[in-house]
PDB file of all heavy atoms in Angstrom:
ATOM      1  N   LEU A   1      -6.105  18.062  10.134  1.00  0.00           N
ATOM      2  CA  LEU A   1      -5.156  17.071   9.609  1.00  0.00           C
ATOM      3  C   LEU A   1      -4.494  16.239  10.703  1.00  0.00           C
ATOM      4  O   LEU A   1      -4.280  15.038  10.534  1.00  0.00           O
ATOM      5  CB  LEU A   1      -4.089  17.745   8.746  1.00  0.00           C
ATOM      6  CG  LEU A   1      -4.562  18.277   7.399  1.00  0.00           C
ATOM      7  CD1 LEU A   1      -3.405  18.952   6.664  1.00  0.00           C
ATOM      8  CD2 LEU A   1      -5.172  17.189   6.539  1.00  0.00           C
ATOM      9  N   GLU A   2      -4.172  16.853  11.824  1.00  0.00           N
ATOM     10  CA  GLU A   2      -3.487  16.141  12.897  1.00  0.00           C
ATOM     11  C   GLU A   2      -4.328  15.013  13.494  1.00  0.00           C
ATOM     12  O   GLU A   2      -3.783  14.066  14.057  1.00  0.00           O
ATOM     13  CB  GLU A   2      -3.080  17.114  13.994  1.00  0.00           C
ATOM     14  CG  GLU A   2      -2.046  18.128  13.548  1.00  0.00           C
ATOM     15  CD  GLU A   2      -1.719  19.139  14.626  1.00  0.00           C
ATOM     16  OE1 GLU A   2      -2.242  19.021  15.763  1.00  0.00           O
ATOM     17  OE2 GLU A   2      -0.944  20.057  14.328  1.00  0.00           O
ATOM     18  N   THR A   3      -5.628  15.106  13.331  1.00  0.00           N
ATOM     19  CA  THR A   3      -6.517  14.106  13.926  1.00  0.00           C
ATOM     20  C   THR A   3      -6.836  12.961  12.962  1.00  0.00           C
ATOM     21  O   THR A   3      -7.471  11.995  13.366  1.00  0.00           O
ATOM     22  CB  THR A   3      -7.839  14.755  14.368  1.00  0.00           C
ATOM     23  OG1 THR A   3      -8.537  15.221  13.207  1.00  0.00           O
ATOM     24  CG2 THR A   3      -7.600  15.911  15.319  1.00  0.00           C
ATOM     25  N   LEU A   4      -6.381  13.051  11.737  1.00  0.00           N
ATOM     26  CA  LEU A   4      -6.755  12.060  10.726  1.00  0.00           C
ATOM     27  C   LEU A   4      -5.786  10.888  10.694  1.00  0.00           C
ATOM     28  O   LEU A   4      -4.585  11.060  10.908  1.00  0.00           O
ATOM     29  CB  LEU A   4      -6.803  12.711   9.345  1.00  0.00           C
ATOM     30  CG  LEU A   4      -7.805  13.830   9.161  1.00  0.00           C
ATOM     31  CD1 LEU A   4      -7.668  14.443   7.784  1.00  0.00           C
ATOM     32  CD2 LEU A   4      -9.215  13.336   9.400  1.00  0.00           C
ATOM     33  N   PRO A   5      -6.311   9.704  10.369  1.00  0.00           N
ATOM     34  CA  PRO A   5      -5.427   8.550  10.226  1.00  0.00           C
ATOM     35  C   PRO A   5      -4.562   8.674   8.967  1.00  0.00           C
ATOM     36  O   PRO A   5      -4.887   9.427   8.040  1.00  0.00           O
ATOM     37  CB  PRO A   5      -6.391   7.362  10.118  1.00  0.00           C
ATOM     38  CG  PRO A   5      -7.690   7.948   9.697  1.00  0.00           C
ATOM     39  CD  PRO A   5      -7.710   9.366  10.196  1.00  0.00           C
ATOM     40  N   LYS A   6      -3.501   7.923   8.947  1.00  0.00           N
ATOM     41  CA  LYS A   6      -2.540   7.989   7.845  1.00  0.00           C
ATOM     42  C   LYS A   6      -3.205   7.692   6.500  1.00  0.00           C
ATOM     43  O   LYS A   6      -2.895   8.334   5.494  1.00  0.00           O
ATOM     44  CB  LYS A   6      -1.403   7.005   8.102  1.00  0.00           C
ATOM     45  CG  LYS A   6      -0.272   7.118   7.130  1.00  0.00           C
ATOM     46  CD  LYS A   6       0.885   6.223   7.517  1.00  0.00           C
ATOM     47  CE  LYS A   6       2.027   6.441   6.538  1.00  0.00           C
ATOM     48  NZ  LYS A   6       3.206   5.670   6.943  1.00  0.00           N
ATOM     49  N   GLU A   7      -4.108   6.755   6.470  1.00  0.00           N
ATOM     50  CA  GLU A   7      -4.814   6.396   5.223  1.00  0.00           C
ATOM     51  C   GLU A   7      -5.570   7.597   4.651  1.00  0.00           C
ATOM     52  O   GLU A   7      -5.537   7.873   3.451  1.00  0.00           O
ATOM     53  CB  GLU A   7      -5.777   5.236   5.488  1.00  0.00           C
ATOM     54  CG  GLU A   7      -6.540   4.789   4.265  1.00  0.00           C
ATOM     55  CD  GLU A   7      -7.500   3.658   4.599  1.00  0.00           C
ATOM     56  OE1 GLU A   7      -7.019   2.584   5.019  1.00  0.00           O
ATOM     57  OE2 GLU A   7      -8.719   3.870   4.438  1.00  0.00           O
ATOM     58  N   ALA A   8      -6.249   8.327   5.520  1.00  0.00           N
ATOM     59  CA  ALA A   8      -6.994   9.518   5.083  1.00  0.00           C
ATOM     60  C   ALA A   8      -6.026  10.586   4.583  1.00  0.00           C
ATOM     61  O   ALA A   8      -6.300  11.249   3.577  1.00  0.00           O
ATOM     62  CB  ALA A   8      -7.849  10.056   6.220  1.00  0.00           C
ATOM     63  N   LEU A   9      -4.908  10.745   5.257  1.00  0.00           N
ATOM     64  CA  LEU A   9      -3.914  11.729   4.832  1.00  0.00           C
ATOM     65  C   LEU A   9      -3.347  11.380   3.456  1.00  0.00           C
ATOM     66  O   LEU A   9      -3.124  12.273   2.631  1.00  0.00           O
ATOM     67  CB  LEU A   9      -2.786  11.821   5.859  1.00  0.00           C
ATOM     68  CG  LEU A   9      -3.177  12.399   7.220  1.00  0.00           C
ATOM     69  CD1 LEU A   9      -2.023  12.262   8.201  1.00  0.00           C
ATOM     70  CD2 LEU A   9      -3.628  13.832   7.095  1.00  0.00           C
ATOM     71  N   ASN A  10      -3.142  10.108   3.214  1.00  0.00           N
ATOM     72  CA  ASN A  10      -2.650   9.679   1.900  1.00  0.00           C
ATOM     73  C   ASN A  10      -3.660   9.978   0.801  1.00  0.00           C
ATOM     74  O   ASN A  10      -3.288  10.418  -0.289  1.00  0.00           O
ATOM     75  CB  ASN A  10      -2.293   8.195   1.910  1.00  0.00           C
ATOM     76  CG  ASN A  10      -1.002   7.917   2.649  1.00  0.00           C
ATOM     77  OD1 ASN A  10      -0.129   8.772   2.725  1.00  0.00           O
ATOM     78  ND2 ASN A  10      -0.879   6.727   3.200  1.00  0.00           N
ATOM     79  N   ARG A  11      -4.944   9.750   1.069  1.00  0.00           N
ATOM     80  CA  ARG A  11      -5.989  10.062   0.088  1.00  0.00           C
ATOM     81  C   ARG A  11      -6.015  11.563  -0.198  1.00  0.00           C
ATOM     82  O   ARG A  11      -6.142  11.991  -1.342  1.00  0.00           O
ATOM     83  CB  ARG A  11      -7.359   9.594   0.586  1.00  0.00           C
ATOM     84  CG  ARG A  11      -7.611   8.117   0.424  1.00  0.00           C
ATOM     85  CD  ARG A  11      -9.089   7.779   0.592  1.00  0.00           C
ATOM     86  NE  ARG A  11      -9.698   8.351   1.774  1.00  0.00           N
ATOM     87  CZ  ARG A  11      -9.782   7.754   2.971  1.00  0.00           C
ATOM     88  NH1 ARG A  11      -9.279   6.550   3.142  1.00  0.00           N
ATOM     89  NH2 ARG A  11     -10.363   8.353   3.982  1.00  0.00           N
ATOM     90  N   ILE A  12      -5.892  12.363   0.845  1.00  0.00           N
ATOM     91  CA  ILE A  12      -5.883  13.813   0.684  1.00  0.00           C
ATOM     92  C   ILE A  12      -4.678  14.246  -0.139  1.00  0.00           C
ATOM     93  O   ILE A  12      -4.793  15.100  -1.029  1.00  0.00           O
ATOM     94  CB  ILE A  12      -5.905  14.518   2.060  1.00  0.00           C
ATOM     95  CG1 ILE A  12      -7.276  14.331   2.709  1.00  0.00           C
ATOM     96  CG2 ILE A  12      -5.558  15.991   1.939  1.00  0.00           C
ATOM     97  CD1 ILE A  12      -7.357  14.784   4.150  1.00  0.00           C
ATOM     98  N   LEU A  13      -3.535  13.641   0.127  1.00  0.00           N
ATOM     99  CA  LEU A  13      -2.326  13.977  -0.625  1.00  0.00           C
ATOM    100  C   LEU A  13      -2.502  13.691  -2.110  1.00  0.00           C
ATOM    101  O   LEU A  13      -2.157  14.524  -2.960  1.00  0.00           O
ATOM    102  CB  LEU A  13      -1.127  13.192  -0.077  1.00  0.00           C
ATOM    103  CG  LEU A  13       0.198  13.429  -0.771  1.00  0.00           C
ATOM    104  CD1 LEU A  13       0.629  14.884  -0.623  1.00  0.00           C
ATOM    105  CD2 LEU A  13       1.257  12.497  -0.212  1.00  0.00           C
ATOM    106  N   ILE A  14      -3.087  12.563  -2.436  1.00  0.00           N
ATOM    107  CA  ILE A  14      -3.336  12.209  -3.847  1.00  0.00           C
ATOM    108  C   ILE A  14      -4.296  13.212  -4.476  1.00  0.00           C
ATOM    109  O   ILE A  14      -4.057  13.706  -5.580  1.00  0.00           O
ATOM    110  CB  ILE A  14      -3.880  10.768  -3.950  1.00  0.00           C
ATOM    111  CG1 ILE A  14      -2.782   9.776  -3.583  1.00  0.00           C
ATOM    112  CG2 ILE A  14      -4.427  10.492  -5.349  1.00  0.00           C
ATOM    113  CD1 ILE A  14      -3.265   8.354  -3.374  1.00  0.00           C
ATOM    114  N   ARG A  15      -5.360  13.549  -3.768  1.00  0.00           N
ATOM    115  CA  ARG A  15      -6.330  14.518  -4.298  1.00  0.00           C
ATOM    116  C   ARG A  15      -5.710  15.897  -4.448  1.00  0.00           C
ATOM    117  O   ARG A  15      -5.986  16.611  -5.415  1.00  0.00           O
ATOM    118  CB  ARG A  15      -7.562  14.574  -3.397  1.00  0.00           C
ATOM    119  CG  ARG A  15      -8.401  13.311  -3.503  1.00  0.00           C
ATOM    120  CD  ARG A  15      -9.547  13.316  -2.560  1.00  0.00           C
ATOM    121  NE  ARG A  15     -10.613  14.159  -3.095  1.00  0.00           N
ATOM    122  CZ  ARG A  15     -11.766  14.360  -2.476  1.00  0.00           C
ATOM    123  NH1 ARG A  15     -12.005  13.777  -1.320  1.00  0.00           N
ATOM    124  NH2 ARG A  15     -12.675  15.126  -3.005  1.00  0.00           N
ATOM    125  N   ASP A  16      -4.864  16.267  -3.505  1.00  0.00           N
ATOM    126  CA  ASP A  16      -4.208  17.579  -3.589  1.00  0.00           C
ATOM    127  C   ASP A  16      -3.272  17.654  -4.791  1.00  0.00           C
ATOM    128  O   ASP A  16      -3.150  18.707  -5.411  1.00  0.00           O
ATOM    129  CB  ASP A  16      -3.451  17.894  -2.304  1.00  0.00           C
ATOM    130  CG  ASP A  16      -4.354  18.429  -1.206  1.00  0.00           C
ATOM    131  OD1 ASP A  16      -5.557  18.646  -1.466  1.00  0.00           O
ATOM    132  OD2 ASP A  16      -3.854  18.631  -0.081  1.00  0.00           O
ATOM    133  N   LYS A  17      -2.617  16.572  -5.115  1.00  0.00           N
ATOM    134  CA  LYS A  17      -1.762  16.556  -6.303  1.00  0.00           C
ATOM    135  C   LYS A  17      -2.593  16.762  -7.562  1.00  0.00           C
ATOM    136  O   LYS A  17      -2.187  17.490  -8.468  1.00  0.00           O
ATOM    137  CB  LYS A  17      -0.971  15.250  -6.390  1.00  0.00           C
ATOM    138  CG  LYS A  17       0.144  15.167  -5.368  1.00  0.00           C
ATOM    139  CD  LYS A  17       0.899  13.859  -5.467  1.00  0.00           C
ATOM    140  CE  LYS A  17       2.004  13.803  -4.417  1.00  0.00           C
ATOM    141  NZ  LYS A  17       2.740  12.539  -4.481  1.00  0.00           N
ATOM    142  N   GLU A  18      -3.765  16.146  -7.620  1.00  0.00           N
ATOM    143  CA  GLU A  18      -4.676  16.341  -8.755  1.00  0.00           C
ATOM    144  C   GLU A  18      -5.173  17.784  -8.794  1.00  0.00           C
ATOM    145  O   GLU A  18      -5.261  18.389  -9.865  1.00  0.00           O
ATOM    146  CB  GLU A  18      -5.862  15.378  -8.650  1.00  0.00           C
ATOM    147  CG  GLU A  18      -5.472  13.924  -8.810  1.00  0.00           C
ATOM    148  CD  GLU A  18      -6.588  12.965  -8.431  1.00  0.00           C
ATOM    149  OE1 GLU A  18      -7.668  13.414  -7.981  1.00  0.00           O
ATOM    150  OE2 GLU A  18      -6.376  11.746  -8.581  1.00  0.00           O
ATOM    151  N   ARG A  19      -5.480  18.329  -7.642  1.00  0.00           N
ATOM    152  CA  ARG A  19      -5.940  19.727  -7.574  1.00  0.00           C
ATOM    153  C   ARG A  19      -4.842  20.680  -8.026  1.00  0.00           C
ATOM    154  O   ARG A  19      -5.113  21.664  -8.718  1.00  0.00           O
ATOM    155  CB  ARG A  19      -6.362  20.068  -6.146  1.00  0.00           C
ATOM    156  CG  ARG A  19      -7.623  19.351  -5.700  1.00  0.00           C
ATOM    157  CD  ARG A  19      -7.880  19.568  -4.234  1.00  0.00           C
ATOM    158  NE  ARG A  19      -9.100  18.906  -3.810  1.00  0.00           N
ATOM    159  CZ  ARG A  19      -9.204  18.197  -2.687  1.00  0.00           C
ATOM    160  NH1 ARG A  19      -8.172  18.090  -1.865  1.00  0.00           N
ATOM    161  NH2 ARG A  19     -10.337  17.624  -2.374  1.00  0.00           N
ATOM    162  N   LEU A  20      -3.622  20.375  -7.628  1.00  0.00           N
ATOM    163  CA  LEU A  20      -2.499  21.219  -8.027  1.00  0.00           C
ATOM    164  C   LEU A  20      -2.337  21.224  -9.548  1.00  0.00           C
ATOM    165  O   LEU A  20      -2.072  22.268 -10.144  1.00  0.00           O
ATOM    166  CB  LEU A  20      -1.215  20.738  -7.352  1.00  0.00           C
ATOM    167  CG  LEU A  20       0.019  21.591  -7.559  1.00  0.00           C
ATOM    168  CD1 LEU A  20      -0.213  23.018  -7.077  1.00  0.00           C
ATOM    169  CD2 LEU A  20       1.204  20.980  -6.846  1.00  0.00           C
ATOM    170  N   GLU A  21      -2.537  20.073 -10.176  1.00  0.00           N
ATOM    171  CA  GLU A  21      -2.478  20.005 -11.641  1.00  0.00           C
ATOM    172  C   GLU A  21      -3.547  20.894 -12.270  1.00  0.00           C
ATOM    173  O   GLU A  21      -3.288  21.587 -13.253  1.00  0.00           O
ATOM    174  CB  GLU A  21      -2.650  18.562 -12.112  1.00  0.00           C
ATOM    175  CG  GLU A  21      -1.451  17.684 -11.844  1.00  0.00           C
ATOM    176  CD  GLU A  21      -1.677  16.239 -12.265  1.00  0.00           C
ATOM    177  OE1 GLU A  21      -2.624  15.955 -13.041  1.00  0.00           O
ATOM    178  OE2 GLU A  21      -0.902  15.380 -11.810  1.00  0.00           O
ATOM    179  N   LYS A  22      -4.749  20.879 -11.690  1.00  0.00           N
ATOM    180  CA  LYS A  22      -5.824  21.734 -12.196  1.00  0.00           C
ATOM    181  C   LYS A  22      -5.466  23.210 -12.042  1.00  0.00           C
ATOM    182  O   LYS A  22      -5.723  24.012 -12.939  1.00  0.00           O
ATOM    183  CB  LYS A  22      -7.141  21.442 -11.467  1.00  0.00           C
ATOM    184  CG  LYS A  22      -7.766  20.129 -11.835  1.00  0.00           C
ATOM    185  CD  LYS A  22      -9.063  19.911 -11.078  1.00  0.00           C
ATOM    186  CE  LYS A  22      -9.669  18.569 -11.408  1.00  0.00           C
ATOM    187  NZ  LYS A  22     -10.924  18.342 -10.683  1.00  0.00           N
ATOM    188  N   LEU A  23      -4.881  23.557 -10.899  1.00  0.00           N
ATOM    189  CA  LEU A  23      -4.487  24.947 -10.679  1.00  0.00           C
ATOM    190  C   LEU A  23      -3.373  25.368 -11.634  1.00  0.00           C
ATOM    191  O   LEU A  23      -3.376  26.490 -12.144  1.00  0.00           O
ATOM    192  CB  LEU A  23      -4.037  25.149  -9.233  1.00  0.00           C
ATOM    193  CG  LEU A  23      -5.147  25.249  -8.196  1.00  0.00           C
ATOM    194  CD1 LEU A  23      -4.562  25.244  -6.787  1.00  0.00           C
ATOM    195  CD2 LEU A  23      -5.989  26.479  -8.416  1.00  0.00           C
ATOM    196  N   GLU A  24      -2.440  24.480 -11.893  1.00  0.00           N
ATOM    197  CA  GLU A  24      -1.365  24.782 -12.838  1.00  0.00           C
ATOM    198  C   GLU A  24      -1.929  24.990 -14.240  1.00  0.00           C
ATOM    199  O   GLU A  24      -1.497  25.891 -14.960  1.00  0.00           O
ATOM    200  CB  GLU A  24      -0.315  23.672 -12.844  1.00  0.00           C
ATOM    201  CG  GLU A  24       0.555  23.639 -11.610  1.00  0.00           C
ATOM    202  CD  GLU A  24       1.454  24.844 -11.470  1.00  0.00           C
ATOM    203  OE1 GLU A  24       1.839  25.459 -12.479  1.00  0.00           O
ATOM    204  OE2 GLU A  24       1.773  25.194 -10.321  1.00  0.00           O
ATOM    205  N   LYS A  25      -2.900  24.174 -14.628  1.00  0.00           N
ATOM    206  CA  LYS A  25      -3.542  24.321 -15.937  1.00  0.00           C
ATOM    207  C   LYS A  25      -4.264  25.658 -16.007  1.00  0.00           C
ATOM    208  O   LYS A  25      -4.168  26.386 -17.006  1.00  0.00           O
ATOM    209  CB  LYS A  25      -4.517  23.174 -16.168  1.00  0.00           C
ATOM    210  CG  LYS A  25      -5.435  23.318 -17.357  1.00  0.00           C
ATOM    211  CD  LYS A  25      -4.771  22.911 -18.637  1.00  0.00           C
ATOM    212  CE  LYS A  25      -5.751  22.803 -19.774  1.00  0.00           C
ATOM    213  NZ  LYS A  25      -5.912  24.005 -20.555  1.00  0.00           N
ATOM    214  N   ARG A  26      -4.991  25.994 -14.944  1.00  0.00           N
ATOM    215  CA  ARG A  26      -5.712  27.278 -14.902  1.00  0.00           C
ATOM    216  C   ARG A  26      -4.731  28.446 -14.984  1.00  0.00           C
ATOM    217  O   ARG A  26      -4.966  29.422 -15.691  1.00  0.00           O
ATOM    218  CB  ARG A  26      -6.548  27.353 -13.616  1.00  0.00           C
ATOM    219  CG  ARG A  26      -7.288  28.648 -13.445  1.00  0.00           C
ATOM    220  CD  ARG A  26      -8.424  28.798 -14.428  1.00  0.00           C
ATOM    221  NE  ARG A  26      -9.117  30.040 -14.164  1.00  0.00           N
ATOM    222  CZ  ARG A  26      -9.514  30.878 -15.092  1.00  0.00           C
ATOM    223  NH1 ARG A  26      -9.335  30.595 -16.357  1.00  0.00           N
ATOM    224  NH2 ARG A  26     -10.131  31.985 -14.780  1.00  0.00           N
ATOM    225  N   LYS A  27      -3.622  28.341 -14.266  1.00  0.00           N
ATOM    226  CA  LYS A  27      -2.607  29.388 -14.292  1.00  0.00           C
ATOM    227  C   LYS A  27      -2.053  29.551 -15.704  1.00  0.00           C
ATOM    228  O   LYS A  27      -1.904  30.668 -16.196  1.00  0.00           O
ATOM    229  CB  LYS A  27      -1.482  29.051 -13.317  1.00  0.00           C
ATOM    230  CG  LYS A  27      -0.411  30.118 -13.225  1.00  0.00           C
ATOM    231  CD  LYS A  27       0.646  29.744 -12.214  1.00  0.00           C
ATOM    232  CE  LYS A  27       1.790  29.098 -12.939  1.00  0.00           C
ATOM    233  NZ  LYS A  27       2.959  28.831 -12.090  1.00  0.00           N
ATOM    234  N   SER A  28      -1.806  28.455 -16.363  1.00  0.00           N
ATOM    235  CA  SER A  28      -1.284  28.499 -17.731  1.00  0.00           C
ATOM    236  C   SER A  28      -2.304  29.145 -18.668  1.00  0.00           C
ATOM    237  O   SER A  28      -1.940  29.986 -19.498  1.00  0.00           O
ATOM    238  CB  SER A  28      -0.955  27.083 -18.202  1.00  0.00           C
ATOM    239  OG  SER A  28      -0.536  27.090 -19.532  1.00  0.00           O
ATOM    240  N   ASP A  29      -3.563  28.757 -18.529  1.00  0.00           N
ATOM    241  CA  ASP A  29      -4.619  29.348 -19.362  1.00  0.00           C
ATOM    242  C   ASP A  29      -4.734  30.850 -19.123  1.00  0.00           C
ATOM    243  O   ASP A  29      -4.896  31.629 -20.069  1.00  0.00           O
ATOM    244  CB  ASP A  29      -5.966  28.677 -19.081  1.00  0.00           C
ATOM    245  CG  ASP A  29      -6.032  27.242 -19.568  1.00  0.00           C
ATOM    246  OD1 ASP A  29      -5.139  26.818 -20.343  1.00  0.00           O
ATOM    247  OD2 ASP A  29      -6.967  26.522 -19.158  1.00  0.00           O
ATOM    248  N   LEU A  30      -4.652  31.259 -17.858  1.00  0.00           N
ATOM    249  CA  LEU A  30      -4.731  32.686 -17.538  1.00  0.00           C
ATOM    250  C   LEU A  30      -3.527  33.441 -18.093  1.00  0.00           C
ATOM    251  O   LEU A  30      -3.664  34.567 -18.571  1.00  0.00           O
ATOM    252  CB  LEU A  30      -4.816  32.890 -16.023  1.00  0.00           C
ATOM    253  CG  LEU A  30      -6.151  32.555 -15.377  1.00  0.00           C
ATOM    254  CD1 LEU A  30      -6.030  32.610 -13.863  1.00  0.00           C
ATOM    255  CD2 LEU A  30      -7.249  33.486 -15.863  1.00  0.00           C
ATOM    256  N   PHE A  31      -2.360  32.821 -18.062  1.00  0.00           N
ATOM    257  CA  PHE A  31      -1.171  33.460 -18.600  1.00  0.00           C
ATOM    258  C   PHE A  31      -1.318  33.681 -20.106  1.00  0.00           C
ATOM    259  O   PHE A  31      -1.001  34.754 -20.618  1.00  0.00           O
ATOM    260  CB  PHE A  31       0.080  32.615 -18.310  1.00  0.00           C
ATOM    261  CG  PHE A  31       1.336  33.235 -18.834  1.00  0.00           C
ATOM    262  CD1 PHE A  31       1.918  34.312 -18.179  1.00  0.00           C
ATOM    263  CD2 PHE A  31       1.922  32.765 -19.992  1.00  0.00           C
ATOM    264  CE1 PHE A  31       3.074  34.889 -18.669  1.00  0.00           C
ATOM    265  CE2 PHE A  31       3.072  33.346 -20.490  1.00  0.00           C
ATOM    266  CZ  PHE A  31       3.657  34.412 -19.832  1.00  0.00           C
ATOM    267  N   ILE A  32      -1.839  32.671 -20.803  1.00  0.00           N
ATOM    268  CA  ILE A  32      -2.052  32.799 -22.240  1.00  0.00           C
ATOM    269  C   ILE A  32      -3.065  33.903 -22.528  1.00  0.00           C
ATOM    270  O   ILE A  32      -2.864  34.742 -23.410  1.00  0.00           O
ATOM    271  CB  ILE A  32      -2.505  31.454 -22.846  1.00  0.00           C
ATOM    272  CG1 ILE A  32      -1.342  30.457 -22.812  1.00  0.00           C
ATOM    273  CG2 ILE A  32      -3.026  31.624 -24.262  1.00  0.00           C
ATOM    274  CD1 ILE A  32      -1.739  29.027 -23.110  1.00  0.00           C
ATOM    275  N   GLU A  33      -4.149  33.934 -21.756  1.00  0.00           N
ATOM    276  CA  GLU A  33      -5.172  34.972 -21.930  1.00  0.00           C
ATOM    277  C   GLU A  33      -4.587  36.357 -21.660  1.00  0.00           C
ATOM    278  O   GLU A  33      -4.833  37.304 -22.409  1.00  0.00           O
ATOM    279  CB  GLU A  33      -6.340  34.700 -20.987  1.00  0.00           C
ATOM    280  CG  GLU A  33      -7.484  35.671 -21.138  1.00  0.00           C
ATOM    281  CD  GLU A  33      -8.647  35.343 -20.222  1.00  0.00           C
ATOM    282  OE1 GLU A  33      -8.766  34.203 -19.752  1.00  0.00           O
ATOM    283  OE2 GLU A  33      -9.441  36.265 -19.964  1.00  0.00           O
ATOM    284  N   LEU A  34      -3.796  36.479 -20.609  1.00  0.00           N
ATOM    285  CA  LEU A  34      -3.168  37.757 -20.283  1.00  0.00           C
ATOM    286  C   LEU A  34      -2.226  38.196 -21.397  1.00  0.00           C
ATOM    287  O   LEU A  34      -2.217  39.366 -21.787  1.00  0.00           O
ATOM    288  CB  LEU A  34      -2.412  37.654 -18.957  1.00  0.00           C
ATOM    289  CG  LEU A  34      -1.624  38.888 -18.531  1.00  0.00           C
ATOM    290  CD1 LEU A  34      -2.549  40.078 -18.323  1.00  0.00           C
ATOM    291  CD2 LEU A  34      -0.834  38.592 -17.271  1.00  0.00           C
ATOM    292  N   THR A  35      -1.455  37.265 -21.925  1.00  0.00           N
ATOM    293  CA  THR A  35      -0.526  37.582 -23.006  1.00  0.00           C
ATOM    294  C   THR A  35      -1.274  38.111 -24.225  1.00  0.00           C
ATOM    295  O   THR A  35      -0.883  39.118 -24.816  1.00  0.00           O
ATOM    296  CB  THR A  35       0.303  36.339 -23.384  1.00  0.00           C
ATOM    297  OG1 THR A  35       1.025  35.902 -22.230  1.00  0.00           O
ATOM    298  CG2 THR A  35       1.268  36.628 -24.507  1.00  0.00           C
ATOM    299  N   LYS A  36      -2.364  37.454 -24.576  1.00  0.00           N
ATOM    300  CA  LYS A  36      -3.156  37.902 -25.725  1.00  0.00           C
ATOM    301  C   LYS A  36      -3.767  39.285 -25.465  1.00  0.00           C
ATOM    302  O   LYS A  36      -3.818  40.122 -26.363  1.00  0.00           O
ATOM    303  CB  LYS A  36      -4.248  36.892 -26.048  1.00  0.00           C
ATOM    304  CG  LYS A  36      -3.708  35.603 -26.641  1.00  0.00           C
ATOM    305  CD  LYS A  36      -4.813  34.618 -26.914  1.00  0.00           C
ATOM    306  CE  LYS A  36      -4.254  33.324 -27.485  1.00  0.00           C
ATOM    307  NZ  LYS A  36      -5.301  32.331 -27.713  1.00  0.00           N
ATOM    308  N   THR A  37      -4.222  39.501 -24.245  1.00  0.00           N
ATOM    309  CA  THR A  37      -4.798  40.798 -23.886  1.00  0.00           C
ATOM    310  C   THR A  37      -3.749  41.904 -23.993  1.00  0.00           C
ATOM    311  O   THR A  37      -4.028  42.983 -24.541  1.00  0.00           O
ATOM    312  CB  THR A  37      -5.377  40.752 -22.455  1.00  0.00           C
ATOM    313  OG1 THR A  37      -6.367  39.724 -22.398  1.00  0.00           O
ATOM    314  CG2 THR A  37      -5.984  42.079 -22.057  1.00  0.00           C
ATOM    315  N   LEU A  38      -2.564  41.635 -23.495  1.00  0.00           N
ATOM    316  CA  LEU A  38      -1.495  42.636 -23.570  1.00  0.00           C
ATOM    317  C   LEU A  38      -1.074  42.896 -25.013  1.00  0.00           C
ATOM    318  O   LEU A  38      -0.780  44.040 -25.385  1.00  0.00           O
ATOM    319  CB  LEU A  38      -0.295  42.194 -22.732  1.00  0.00           C
ATOM    320  CG  LEU A  38      -0.519  42.211 -21.222  1.00  0.00           C
ATOM    321  CD1 LEU A  38       0.686  41.616 -20.501  1.00  0.00           C
ATOM    322  CD2 LEU A  38      -0.809  43.608 -20.721  1.00  0.00           C
ATOM    323  N   GLU A  39      -1.061  41.856 -25.840  1.00  0.00           N
ATOM    324  CA  GLU A  39      -0.741  42.046 -27.260  1.00  0.00           C
ATOM    325  C   GLU A  39      -1.786  42.911 -27.938  1.00  0.00           C
ATOM    326  O   GLU A  39      -1.457  43.793 -28.744  1.00  0.00           O
ATOM    327  CB  GLU A  39      -0.629  40.696 -27.958  1.00  0.00           C
ATOM    328  CG  GLU A  39       0.619  39.918 -27.605  1.00  0.00           C
ATOM    329  CD  GLU A  39       0.632  38.505 -28.182  1.00  0.00           C
ATOM    330  OE1 GLU A  39      -0.356  38.097 -28.845  1.00  0.00           O
ATOM    331  OE2 GLU A  39       1.628  37.808 -27.969  1.00  0.00           O
ATOM    332  N   ALA A  40      -3.067  42.667 -27.619  1.00  0.00           N
ATOM    333  CA  ALA A  40      -4.144  43.480 -28.194  1.00  0.00           C
ATOM    334  C   ALA A  40      -4.026  44.933 -27.730  1.00  0.00           C
ATOM    335  O   ALA A  40      -4.193  45.862 -28.530  1.00  0.00           O
ATOM    336  CB  ALA A  40      -5.500  42.906 -27.806  1.00  0.00           C
ATOM    337  N   LYS A  41      -3.721  45.123 -26.470  1.00  0.00           N
ATOM    338  CA  LYS A  41      -3.556  46.478 -25.938  1.00  0.00           C
ATOM    339  C   LYS A  41      -2.416  47.197 -26.649  1.00  0.00           C
ATOM    340  O   LYS A  41      -2.558  48.349 -27.067  1.00  0.00           O
ATOM    341  CB  LYS A  41      -3.279  46.414 -24.441  1.00  0.00           C
ATOM    342  CG  LYS A  41      -3.023  47.773 -23.824  1.00  0.00           C
ATOM    343  CD  LYS A  41      -2.627  47.641 -22.366  1.00  0.00           C
ATOM    344  CE  LYS A  41      -2.209  49.004 -21.831  1.00  0.00           C
ATOM    345  NZ  LYS A  41      -1.555  48.919 -20.552  1.00  0.00           N
ATOM    346  N   THR A  42      -1.304  46.517 -26.808  1.00  0.00           N
ATOM    347  CA  THR A  42      -0.149  47.103 -27.487  1.00  0.00           C
ATOM    348  C   THR A  42      -0.492  47.468 -28.923  1.00  0.00           C
ATOM    349  O   THR A  42      -0.123  48.544 -29.412  1.00  0.00           O
ATOM    350  CB  THR A  42       1.042  46.122 -27.454  1.00  0.00           C
ATOM    351  OG1 THR A  42       1.356  45.848 -26.086  1.00  0.00           O
ATOM    352  CG2 THR A  42       2.256  46.692 -28.143  1.00  0.00           C
TER     353      THR A  42
END
């Protein structure tokens, strides 16, 4: 990262924000799946 120009860093930042949204969605889906699994176990 330290060797990259500012323009490249900005592109990475935008992509990382999109990736973070995907990870948040995955986390939410896993939480729902875990909740259902625990309900079934109970």
